[in-house]
Amino acid sequence: MNIESVRGCMKIKARITDRVPPDVLSVPFGWGGDAKANLLTDDMNRDPVSAFPSFKPLCRVTKI
């Protein structure tokens, strides 16, 4: 599948399961090559109270 956010895009193999809620995408860390979830996040978009970066970007997922 192709995953796009305002910051980037990556291609990754997907598995649909009932262990992850609908409308939620779970990408484990440690993927190599172009499948890096951090390419999709915006580390400059931070919580105003904690200053913690947002690791939950809105994404568009399409089948390829």
PDB file of N, CA and C in Angstrom:
ATOM      1  N   MET A   1       0.832  -1.161   0.000  1.00  0.00           N
ATOM      2  CA  MET A   1       0.000   0.000   0.000  1.00  0.00           C
ATOM      3  C   MET A   1       0.881   1.230   0.000  1.00  0.00           C
ATOM      4  N   ASN A   2       0.304   2.322  -0.391  1.00  0.00           N
ATOM      5  CA  ASN A   2       0.988   3.603  -0.405  1.00  0.00           C
ATOM      6  C   ASN A   2       0.406   4.436   0.744  1.00  0.00           C
ATOM      7  N   ILE A   3       1.258   4.990   1.577  1.00  0.00           N
ATOM      8  CA  ILE A   3       0.827   5.820   2.697  1.00  0.00           C
ATOM      9  C   ILE A   3       1.382   7.224   2.473  1.00  0.00           C
ATOM     10  N   GLU A   4       0.496   8.218   2.482  1.00  0.00           N
ATOM     11  CA  GLU A   4       0.909   9.603   2.261  1.00  0.00           C
ATOM     12  C   GLU A   4       0.447  10.490   3.411  1.00  0.00           C
ATOM     13  N   SER A   5       1.297  11.414   3.801  1.00  0.00           N
ATOM     14  CA  SER A   5       0.923  12.483   4.728  1.00  0.00           C
ATOM     15  C   SER A   5       1.383  13.789   4.080  1.00  0.00           C
ATOM     16  N   VAL A   6       1.148  14.905   4.745  1.00  0.00           N
ATOM     17  CA  VAL A   6       1.589  16.180   4.180  1.00  0.00           C
ATOM     18  C   VAL A   6       3.103  16.273   4.142  1.00  0.00           C
ATOM     19  N   ARG A   7       3.788  15.449   4.902  1.00  0.00           N
ATOM     20  CA  ARG A   7       5.247  15.518   4.962  1.00  0.00           C
ATOM     21  C   ARG A   7       5.952  14.534   4.034  1.00  0.00           C
ATOM     22  N   GLY A   8       5.311  13.412   3.725  1.00  0.00           N
ATOM     23  CA  GLY A   8       6.023  12.433   2.922  1.00  0.00           C
ATOM     24  C   GLY A   8       5.149  11.278   2.488  1.00  0.00           C
ATOM     25  N   CYS A   9       5.814  10.285   1.905  1.00  0.00           N
ATOM     26  CA  CYS A   9       5.117   9.140   1.326  1.00  0.00           C
ATOM     27  C   CYS A   9       5.997   7.906   1.499  1.00  0.00           C
ATOM     28  N   MET A  10       5.362   6.764   1.695  1.00  0.00           N
ATOM     29  CA  MET A  10       6.115   5.514   1.733  1.00  0.00           C
ATOM     30  C   MET A  10       5.253   4.371   1.220  1.00  0.00           C
ATOM     31  N   LYS A  11       5.908   3.345   0.731  1.00  0.00           N
ATOM     32  CA  LYS A  11       5.227   2.140   0.264  1.00  0.00           C
ATOM     33  C   LYS A  11       5.594   1.022   1.218  1.00  0.00           C
ATOM     34  N   ILE A  12       4.560   0.245   1.594  1.00  0.00           N
ATOM     35  CA  ILE A  12       4.770  -0.811   2.574  1.00  0.00           C
ATOM     36  C   ILE A  12       3.744  -1.924   2.338  1.00  0.00           C
ATOM     37  N   LYS A  13       4.110  -3.145   2.670  1.00  0.00           N
ATOM     38  CA  LYS A  13       3.171  -4.257   2.588  1.00  0.00           C
ATOM     39  C   LYS A  13       2.227  -4.170   3.780  1.00  0.00           C
ATOM     40  N   ALA A  14       0.949  -4.429   3.547  1.00  0.00           N
ATOM     41  CA  ALA A  14      -0.057  -4.292   4.601  1.00  0.00           C
ATOM     42  C   ALA A  14      -0.714  -5.617   4.930  1.00  0.00           C
ATOM     43  N   ARG A  15      -1.192  -5.698   6.170  1.00  0.00           N
ATOM     44  CA  ARG A  15      -2.000  -6.823   6.613  1.00  0.00           C
ATOM     45  C   ARG A  15      -3.183  -6.228   7.381  1.00  0.00           C
ATOM     46  N   ILE A  16      -4.376  -6.524   6.945  1.00  0.00           N
ATOM     47  CA  ILE A  16      -5.573  -6.038   7.626  1.00  0.00           C
ATOM     48  C   ILE A  16      -5.963  -7.062   8.677  1.00  0.00           C
ATOM     49  N   THR A  17      -6.197  -6.575   9.897  1.00  0.00           N
ATOM     50  CA  THR A  17      -6.499  -7.448  11.021  1.00  0.00           C
ATOM     51  C   THR A  17      -7.498  -6.784  11.951  1.00  0.00           C
ATOM     52  N   ASP A  18      -8.169  -7.581  12.758  1.00  0.00           N
ATOM     53  CA  ASP A  18      -9.098  -7.006  13.740  1.00  0.00           C
ATOM     54  C   ASP A  18      -8.380  -6.581  15.014  1.00  0.00           C
ATOM     55  N   ARG A  19      -7.063  -6.735  15.080  1.00  0.00           N
ATOM     56  CA  ARG A  19      -6.281  -6.314  16.241  1.00  0.00           C
ATOM     57  C   ARG A  19      -6.031  -4.808  16.252  1.00  0.00           C
ATOM     58  N   VAL A  20      -6.210  -4.172  15.109  1.00  0.00           N
ATOM     59  CA  VAL A  20      -6.041  -2.717  14.991  1.00  0.00           C
ATOM     60  C   VAL A  20      -7.403  -2.130  14.643  1.00  0.00           C
ATOM     61  N   PRO A  21      -7.856  -1.104  15.373  1.00  0.00           N
ATOM     62  CA  PRO A  21      -9.183  -0.535  15.123  1.00  0.00           C
ATOM     63  C   PRO A  21      -9.318   0.037  13.710  1.00  0.00           C
ATOM     64  N   PRO A  22     -10.552   0.129  13.206  1.00  0.00           N
ATOM     65  CA  PRO A  22     -10.775   0.766  11.899  1.00  0.00           C
ATOM     66  C   PRO A  22     -10.266   2.206  11.925  1.00  0.00           C
ATOM     67  N   ASP A  23      -9.818   2.688  10.807  1.00  0.00           N
ATOM     68  CA  ASP A  23      -9.281   4.046  10.657  1.00  0.00           C
ATOM     69  C   ASP A  23      -7.984   4.266  11.419  1.00  0.00           C
ATOM     70  N   VAL A  24      -7.308   3.188  11.812  1.00  0.00           N
ATOM     71  CA  VAL A  24      -6.020   3.290  12.493  1.00  0.00           C
ATOM     72  C   VAL A  24      -4.991   2.517  11.682  1.00  0.00           C
ATOM     73  N   LEU A  25      -3.817   3.102  11.548  1.00  0.00           N
ATOM     74  CA  LEU A  25      -2.710   2.465  10.837  1.00  0.00           C
ATOM     75  C   LEU A  25      -1.576   2.291  11.829  1.00  0.00           C
ATOM     76  N   SER A  26      -1.085   1.090  11.980  1.00  0.00           N
ATOM     77  CA  SER A  26       0.022   0.817  12.890  1.00  0.00           C
ATOM     78  C   SER A  26       1.231   0.401  12.063  1.00  0.00           C
ATOM     79  N   VAL A  27       2.307   1.170  12.170  1.00  0.00           N
ATOM     80  CA  VAL A  27       3.544   0.859  11.459  1.00  0.00           C
ATOM     81  C   VAL A  27       4.631   0.644  12.507  1.00  0.00           C
ATOM     82  N   PRO A  28       5.119  -0.582  12.671  1.00  0.00           N
ATOM     83  CA  PRO A  28       6.164  -0.827  13.659  1.00  0.00           C
ATOM     84  C   PRO A  28       7.483  -0.178  13.251  1.00  0.00           C
ATOM     85  N   PHE A  29       8.307   0.127  14.236  1.00  0.00           N
ATOM     86  CA  PHE A  29       9.606   0.722  13.937  1.00  0.00           C
ATOM     87  C   PHE A  29      10.568  -0.349  13.460  1.00  0.00           C
ATOM     88  N   GLY A  30      11.668   0.088  12.895  1.00  0.00           N
ATOM     89  CA  GLY A  30      12.713  -0.836  12.486  1.00  0.00           C
ATOM     90  C   GLY A  30      12.664  -1.262  11.026  1.00  0.00           C
ATOM     91  N   TRP A  31      11.754  -0.681  10.233  1.00  0.00           N
ATOM     92  CA  TRP A  31      11.702  -1.014   8.816  1.00  0.00           C
ATOM     93  C   TRP A  31      12.845  -0.316   8.100  1.00  0.00           C
ATOM     94  N   GLY A  32      13.408  -0.962   7.124  1.00  0.00           N
ATOM     95  CA  GLY A  32      14.511  -0.383   6.383  1.00  0.00           C
ATOM     96  C   GLY A  32      14.069   0.188   5.053  1.00  0.00           C
ATOM     97  N   GLY A  33      15.027   0.652   4.286  1.00  0.00           N
ATOM     98  CA  GLY A  33      14.742   1.188   2.958  1.00  0.00           C
ATOM     99  C   GLY A  33      13.871   2.421   3.009  1.00  0.00           C
ATOM    100  N   ASP A  34      12.891   2.494   2.115  1.00  0.00           N
ATOM    101  CA  ASP A  34      12.007   3.646   2.043  1.00  0.00           C
ATOM    102  C   ASP A  34      10.819   3.542   2.988  1.00  0.00           C
ATOM    103  N   ALA A  35      10.671   2.437   3.695  1.00  0.00           N
ATOM    104  CA  ALA A  35       9.513   2.221   4.571  1.00  0.00           C
ATOM    105  C   ALA A  35       9.823   2.722   5.988  1.00  0.00           C
ATOM    106  N   LYS A  36      10.030   4.012   6.109  1.00  0.00           N
ATOM    107  CA  LYS A  36      10.330   4.616   7.403  1.00  0.00           C
ATOM    108  C   LYS A  36       9.168   5.509   7.807  1.00  0.00           C
ATOM    109  N   ALA A  37       8.468   5.120   8.867  1.00  0.00           N
ATOM    110  CA  ALA A  37       7.290   5.863   9.304  1.00  0.00           C
ATOM    111  C   ALA A  37       7.628   7.295   9.690  1.00  0.00           C
ATOM    112  N   ASN A  38       8.852   7.556  10.119  1.00  0.00           N
ATOM    113  CA  ASN A  38       9.226   8.921  10.494  1.00  0.00           C
ATOM    114  C   ASN A  38       9.186   9.878   9.305  1.00  0.00           C
ATOM    115  N   LEU A  39       9.219   9.340   8.079  1.00  0.00           N
ATOM    116  CA  LEU A  39       9.092  10.196   6.900  1.00  0.00           C
ATOM    117  C   LEU A  39       7.718  10.844   6.839  1.00  0.00           C
ATOM    118  N   LEU A  40       6.739  10.265   7.531  1.00  0.00           N
ATOM    119  CA  LEU A  40       5.367  10.758   7.488  1.00  0.00           C
ATOM    120  C   LEU A  40       5.049  11.745   8.602  1.00  0.00           C
ATOM    121  N   THR A  41       5.858  11.771   9.645  1.00  0.00           N
ATOM    122  CA  THR A  41       5.562  12.615  10.802  1.00  0.00           C
ATOM    123  C   THR A  41       6.174  13.997  10.650  1.00  0.00           C
ATOM    124  N   ASP A  42       5.640  14.924  11.391  1.00  0.00           N
ATOM    125  CA  ASP A  42       6.135  16.300  11.366  1.00  0.00           C
ATOM    126  C   ASP A  42       6.704  16.622  12.734  1.00  0.00           C
ATOM    127  N   ASP A  43       8.028  16.539  12.874  1.00  0.00           N
ATOM    128  CA  ASP A  43       8.638  16.768  14.183  1.00  0.00           C
ATOM    129  C   ASP A  43       8.644  18.237  14.594  1.00  0.00           C
ATOM    130  N   MET A  44       8.250  19.128  13.703  1.00  0.00           N
ATOM    131  CA  MET A  44       8.141  20.548  14.047  1.00  0.00           C
ATOM    132  C   MET A  44       6.752  20.886  14.596  1.00  0.00           C
ATOM    133  N   ASN A  45       5.774  20.003  14.401  1.00  0.00           N
ATOM    134  CA  ASN A  45       4.426  20.180  14.934  1.00  0.00           C
ATOM    135  C   ASN A  45       4.400  19.593  16.341  1.00  0.00           C
ATOM    136  N   ARG A  46       4.491  20.457  17.345  1.00  0.00           N
ATOM    137  CA  ARG A  46       4.624  19.984  18.724  1.00  0.00           C
ATOM    138  C   ARG A  46       3.441  20.383  19.587  1.00  0.00           C
ATOM    139  N   ASP A  47       3.196  19.557  20.607  1.00  0.00           N
ATOM    140  CA  ASP A  47       2.156  19.857  21.575  1.00  0.00           C
ATOM    141  C   ASP A  47       2.513  21.149  22.305  1.00  0.00           C
ATOM    142  N   PRO A  48       1.575  22.095  22.437  1.00  0.00           N
ATOM    143  CA  PRO A  48       1.903  23.379  23.054  1.00  0.00           C
ATOM    144  C   PRO A  48       2.246  23.285  24.544  1.00  0.00           C
ATOM    145  N   VAL A  49       1.812  22.237  25.223  1.00  0.00           N
ATOM    146  CA  VAL A  49       2.092  22.111  26.661  1.00  0.00           C
ATOM    147  C   VAL A  49       3.375  21.319  26.907  1.00  0.00           C
ATOM    148  N   SER A  50       3.466  20.133  26.307  1.00  0.00           N
ATOM    149  CA  SER A  50       4.608  19.257  26.591  1.00  0.00           C
ATOM    150  C   SER A  50       5.767  19.430  25.613  1.00  0.00           C
ATOM    151  N   ALA A  51       5.522  20.065  24.475  1.00  0.00           N
ATOM    152  CA  ALA A  51       6.511  20.228  23.401  1.00  0.00           C
ATOM    153  C   ALA A  51       6.896  18.891  22.772  1.00  0.00           C
ATOM    154  N   PHE A  52       6.082  17.856  22.998  1.00  0.00           N
ATOM    155  CA  PHE A  52       6.337  16.536  22.420  1.00  0.00           C
ATOM    156  C   PHE A  52       5.885  16.538  20.969  1.00  0.00           C
ATOM    157  N   PRO A  53       6.688  16.017  20.038  1.00  0.00           N
ATOM    158  CA  PRO A  53       6.288  16.015  18.626  1.00  0.00           C
ATOM    159  C   PRO A  53       5.105  15.098  18.353  1.00  0.00           C
ATOM    160  N   SER A  54       4.362  15.415  17.317  1.00  0.00           N
ATOM    161  CA  SER A  54       3.201  14.625  16.924  1.00  0.00           C
ATOM    162  C   SER A  54       3.664  13.413  16.122  1.00  0.00           C
ATOM    163  N   PHE A  55       3.386  12.240  16.639  1.00  0.00           N
ATOM    164  CA  PHE A  55       3.740  11.014  15.923  1.00  0.00           C
ATOM    165  C   PHE A  55       2.503  10.335  15.360  1.00  0.00           C
ATOM    166  N   LYS A  56       1.409  11.091  15.247  1.00  0.00           N
ATOM    167  CA  LYS A  56       0.166  10.544  14.741  1.00  0.00           C
ATOM    168  C   LYS A  56      -0.358  11.430  13.606  1.00  0.00           C
ATOM    169  N   PRO A  57       0.319  11.387  12.461  1.00  0.00           N
ATOM    170  CA  PRO A  57      -0.135  12.246  11.359  1.00  0.00           C
ATOM    171  C   PRO A  57      -1.385  11.687  10.682  1.00  0.00           C
ATOM    172  N   LEU A  58      -2.149  12.573  10.090  1.00  0.00           N
ATOM    173  CA  LEU A  58      -3.251  12.137   9.252  1.00  0.00           C
ATOM    174  C   LEU A  58      -2.659  11.612   7.961  1.00  0.00           C
ATOM    175  N   CYS A  59      -3.114  10.452   7.518  1.00  0.00           N
ATOM    176  CA  CYS A  59      -2.540   9.809   6.343  1.00  0.00           C
ATOM    177  C   CYS A  59      -3.634   9.390   5.367  1.00  0.00           C
ATOM    178  N   ARG A  60      -3.248   9.310   4.121  1.00  0.00           N
ATOM    179  CA  ARG A  60      -4.092   8.724   3.075  1.00  0.00           C
ATOM    180  C   ARG A  60      -3.448   7.390   2.704  1.00  0.00           C
ATOM    181  N   VAL A  61      -4.251   6.345   2.720  1.00  0.00           N
ATOM    182  CA  VAL A  61      -3.773   5.000   2.400  1.00  0.00           C
ATOM    183  C   VAL A  61      -4.449   4.550   1.126  1.00  0.00           C
ATOM    184  N   THR A  62      -3.639   4.117   0.146  1.00  0.00           N
ATOM    185  CA  THR A  62      -4.177   3.621  -1.108  1.00  0.00           C
ATOM    186  C   THR A  62      -3.516   2.288  -1.465  1.00  0.00           C
ATOM    187  N   LYS A  63      -4.299   1.439  -2.083  1.00  0.00           N
ATOM    188  CA  LYS A  63      -3.789   0.143  -2.543  1.00  0.00           C
ATOM    189  C   LYS A  63      -3.017   0.349  -3.826  1.00  0.00           C
ATOM    190  N   ILE A  64      -1.847  -0.322  -3.933  1.00  0.00           N
ATOM    191  CA  ILE A  64      -1.071  -0.247  -5.176  1.00  0.00           C
ATOM    192  C   ILE A  64      -0.839  -1.633  -5.730  1.00  0.00           C
TER     193      ILE A  64
END
